[in-house]
Amino acid sequence: METFSDTTGNDLVLYKQYGNSSDAYIAMGVLETNGVPAVVDNSIMGTLLGGIPAVGSFRLMVRRKDLDLARRLMSGTEPGDE
């Protein structure tokens, strides 16, 4: 079996998990405003259930090469950060 390895750093990695879509999309907006492309994973499950909390969490994904920048940009700006 062949394993694919993205040497460009463009593969998606987990930046952070959120318990609700609002927090995930706010964080995504902050990152994208600062030039870091991001995507929220599990957003379909959250909207299909209409008002019922999604199973699992909302995962904010960024490119591997942008992960350190995302952490620096969001440092101290999210609930629970000090």
C-alpha atoms as a PDB file:
ATOM      1  CA  MET A   1       0.000   0.000   0.000  1.00  0.00           C
ATOM      2  CA  GLU A   2       1.364   3.393  -0.994  1.00  0.00           C
ATOM      3  CA  THR A   3       1.362   6.209   1.546  1.00  0.00           C
ATOM      4  CA  PHE A   4       1.017   9.790   0.359  1.00  0.00           C
ATOM      5  CA  SER A   5       3.132  12.380   2.096  1.00  0.00           C
ATOM      6  CA  ASP A   6       2.605  16.051   1.283  1.00  0.00           C
ATOM      7  CA  THR A   7       6.050  17.617   1.359  1.00  0.00           C
ATOM      8  CA  THR A   8       4.680  21.069   0.499  1.00  0.00           C
ATOM      9  CA  GLY A   9       2.945  21.565   3.856  1.00  0.00           C
ATOM     10  CA  ASN A  10      -0.436  22.013   2.182  1.00  0.00           C
ATOM     11  CA  ASP A  11      -2.041  19.026   3.915  1.00  0.00           C
ATOM     12  CA  LEU A  12      -4.709  19.940   6.478  1.00  0.00           C
ATOM     13  CA  VAL A  13      -4.035  19.517  10.181  1.00  0.00           C
ATOM     14  CA  LEU A  14      -6.111  20.187  13.270  1.00  0.00           C
ATOM     15  CA  TYR A  15      -5.663  23.640  14.745  1.00  0.00           C
ATOM     16  CA  LYS A  16      -8.311  23.321  17.496  1.00  0.00           C
ATOM     17  CA  GLN A  17     -11.621  21.658  18.342  1.00  0.00           C
ATOM     18  CA  TYR A  18     -14.649  23.704  19.381  1.00  0.00           C
ATOM     19  CA  GLY A  19     -17.869  22.683  21.116  1.00  0.00           C
ATOM     20  CA  ASN A  20     -20.074  24.863  18.920  1.00  0.00           C
ATOM     21  CA  SER A  21     -20.063  26.161  15.382  1.00  0.00           C
ATOM     22  CA  SER A  22     -20.140  29.842  16.350  1.00  0.00           C
ATOM     23  CA  ASP A  23     -16.776  29.721  18.109  1.00  0.00           C
ATOM     24  CA  ALA A  24     -15.256  27.678  15.279  1.00  0.00           C
ATOM     25  CA  TYR A  25     -16.451  30.086  12.580  1.00  0.00           C
ATOM     26  CA  ILE A  26     -15.354  33.161  14.544  1.00  0.00           C
ATOM     27  CA  ALA A  27     -11.856  31.694  14.899  1.00  0.00           C
ATOM     28  CA  MET A  28     -11.862  30.767  11.201  1.00  0.00           C
ATOM     29  CA  GLY A  29     -12.759  34.369  10.346  1.00  0.00           C
ATOM     30  CA  VAL A  30      -9.911  35.735  12.456  1.00  0.00           C
ATOM     31  CA  LEU A  31      -7.427  33.400  10.801  1.00  0.00           C
ATOM     32  CA  GLU A  32      -8.646  34.087   7.266  1.00  0.00           C
ATOM     33  CA  THR A  33      -8.655  37.856   7.875  1.00  0.00           C
ATOM     34  CA  ASN A  34      -4.986  37.488   8.755  1.00  0.00           C
ATOM     35  CA  GLY A  35      -4.138  35.470   5.640  1.00  0.00           C
ATOM     36  CA  VAL A  36      -4.405  31.934   7.029  1.00  0.00           C
ATOM     37  CA  PRO A  37      -6.841  29.795   5.012  1.00  0.00           C
ATOM     38  CA  ALA A  38      -8.946  27.574   7.273  1.00  0.00           C
ATOM     39  CA  VAL A  39     -11.893  25.203   7.094  1.00  0.00           C
ATOM     40  CA  VAL A  40     -14.386  24.006   9.710  1.00  0.00           C
ATOM     41  CA  ASP A  41     -14.885  20.245   9.667  1.00  0.00           C
ATOM     42  CA  ASN A  42     -18.164  18.713  10.951  1.00  0.00           C
ATOM     43  CA  SER A  43     -20.218  21.772  10.034  1.00  0.00           C
ATOM     44  CA  ILE A  44     -22.651  19.607   8.041  1.00  0.00           C
ATOM     45  CA  MET A  45     -23.525  17.449  11.054  1.00  0.00           C
ATOM     46  CA  GLY A  46     -24.157  20.567  13.094  1.00  0.00           C
ATOM     47  CA  THR A  47     -26.639  21.973  10.623  1.00  0.00           C
ATOM     48  CA  LEU A  48     -28.399  18.755   9.648  1.00  0.00           C
ATOM     49  CA  LEU A  49     -29.595  18.145  13.172  1.00  0.00           C
ATOM     50  CA  GLY A  50     -31.180  21.594  13.418  1.00  0.00           C
ATOM     51  CA  GLY A  51     -30.835  22.800  16.979  1.00  0.00           C
ATOM     52  CA  ILE A  52     -29.613  19.517  18.428  1.00  0.00           C
ATOM     53  CA  PRO A  53     -25.934  19.717  19.381  1.00  0.00           C
ATOM     54  CA  ALA A  54     -23.662  17.975  16.923  1.00  0.00           C
ATOM     55  CA  VAL A  55     -22.078  14.699  17.834  1.00  0.00           C
ATOM     56  CA  GLY A  56     -18.403  15.312  18.472  1.00  0.00           C
ATOM     57  CA  SER A  57     -17.008  18.743  17.894  1.00  0.00           C
ATOM     58  CA  PHE A  58     -16.246  21.299  15.238  1.00  0.00           C
ATOM     59  CA  ARG A  59     -12.656  20.958  14.074  1.00  0.00           C
ATOM     60  CA  LEU A  60     -10.847  23.977  12.703  1.00  0.00           C
ATOM     61  CA  MET A  61      -8.317  22.800  10.139  1.00  0.00           C
ATOM     62  CA  VAL A  62      -5.394  24.758   8.667  1.00  0.00           C
ATOM     63  CA  ARG A  63      -2.556  23.898   6.314  1.00  0.00           C
ATOM     64  CA  ARG A  64       0.390  22.300   8.098  1.00  0.00           C
ATOM     65  CA  LYS A  65       2.684  25.117   6.949  1.00  0.00           C
ATOM     66  CA  ASP A  66       0.315  27.696   8.548  1.00  0.00           C
ATOM     67  CA  LEU A  67      -0.129  25.952  11.914  1.00  0.00           C
ATOM     68  CA  ASP A  68       2.551  27.892  13.805  1.00  0.00           C
ATOM     69  CA  LEU A  69       1.293  31.196  12.411  1.00  0.00           C
ATOM     70  CA  ALA A  70      -2.283  30.293  13.383  1.00  0.00           C
ATOM     71  CA  ARG A  71      -1.166  29.539  16.938  1.00  0.00           C
ATOM     72  CA  ARG A  72       0.690  32.850  17.176  1.00  0.00           C
ATOM     73  CA  LEU A  73      -2.249  34.814  15.768  1.00  0.00           C
ATOM     74  CA  MET A  74      -4.744  33.235  18.133  1.00  0.00           C
ATOM     75  CA  SER A  75      -2.521  33.198  21.212  1.00  0.00           C
ATOM     76  CA  GLY A  76      -4.391  34.747  24.112  1.00  0.00           C
ATOM     77  CA  THR A  77      -7.466  35.630  22.037  1.00  0.00           C
ATOM     78  CA  GLU A  78      -9.648  32.592  22.689  1.00  0.00           C
ATOM     79  CA  PRO A  79     -11.722  31.647  25.758  1.00  0.00           C
ATOM     80  CA  GLY A  80      -9.555  29.786  28.223  1.00  0.00           C
ATOM     81  CA  ASP A  81      -6.293  31.302  26.946  1.00  0.00           C
ATOM     82  CA  GLU A  82      -4.345  33.340  29.419  1.00  0.00           C
END
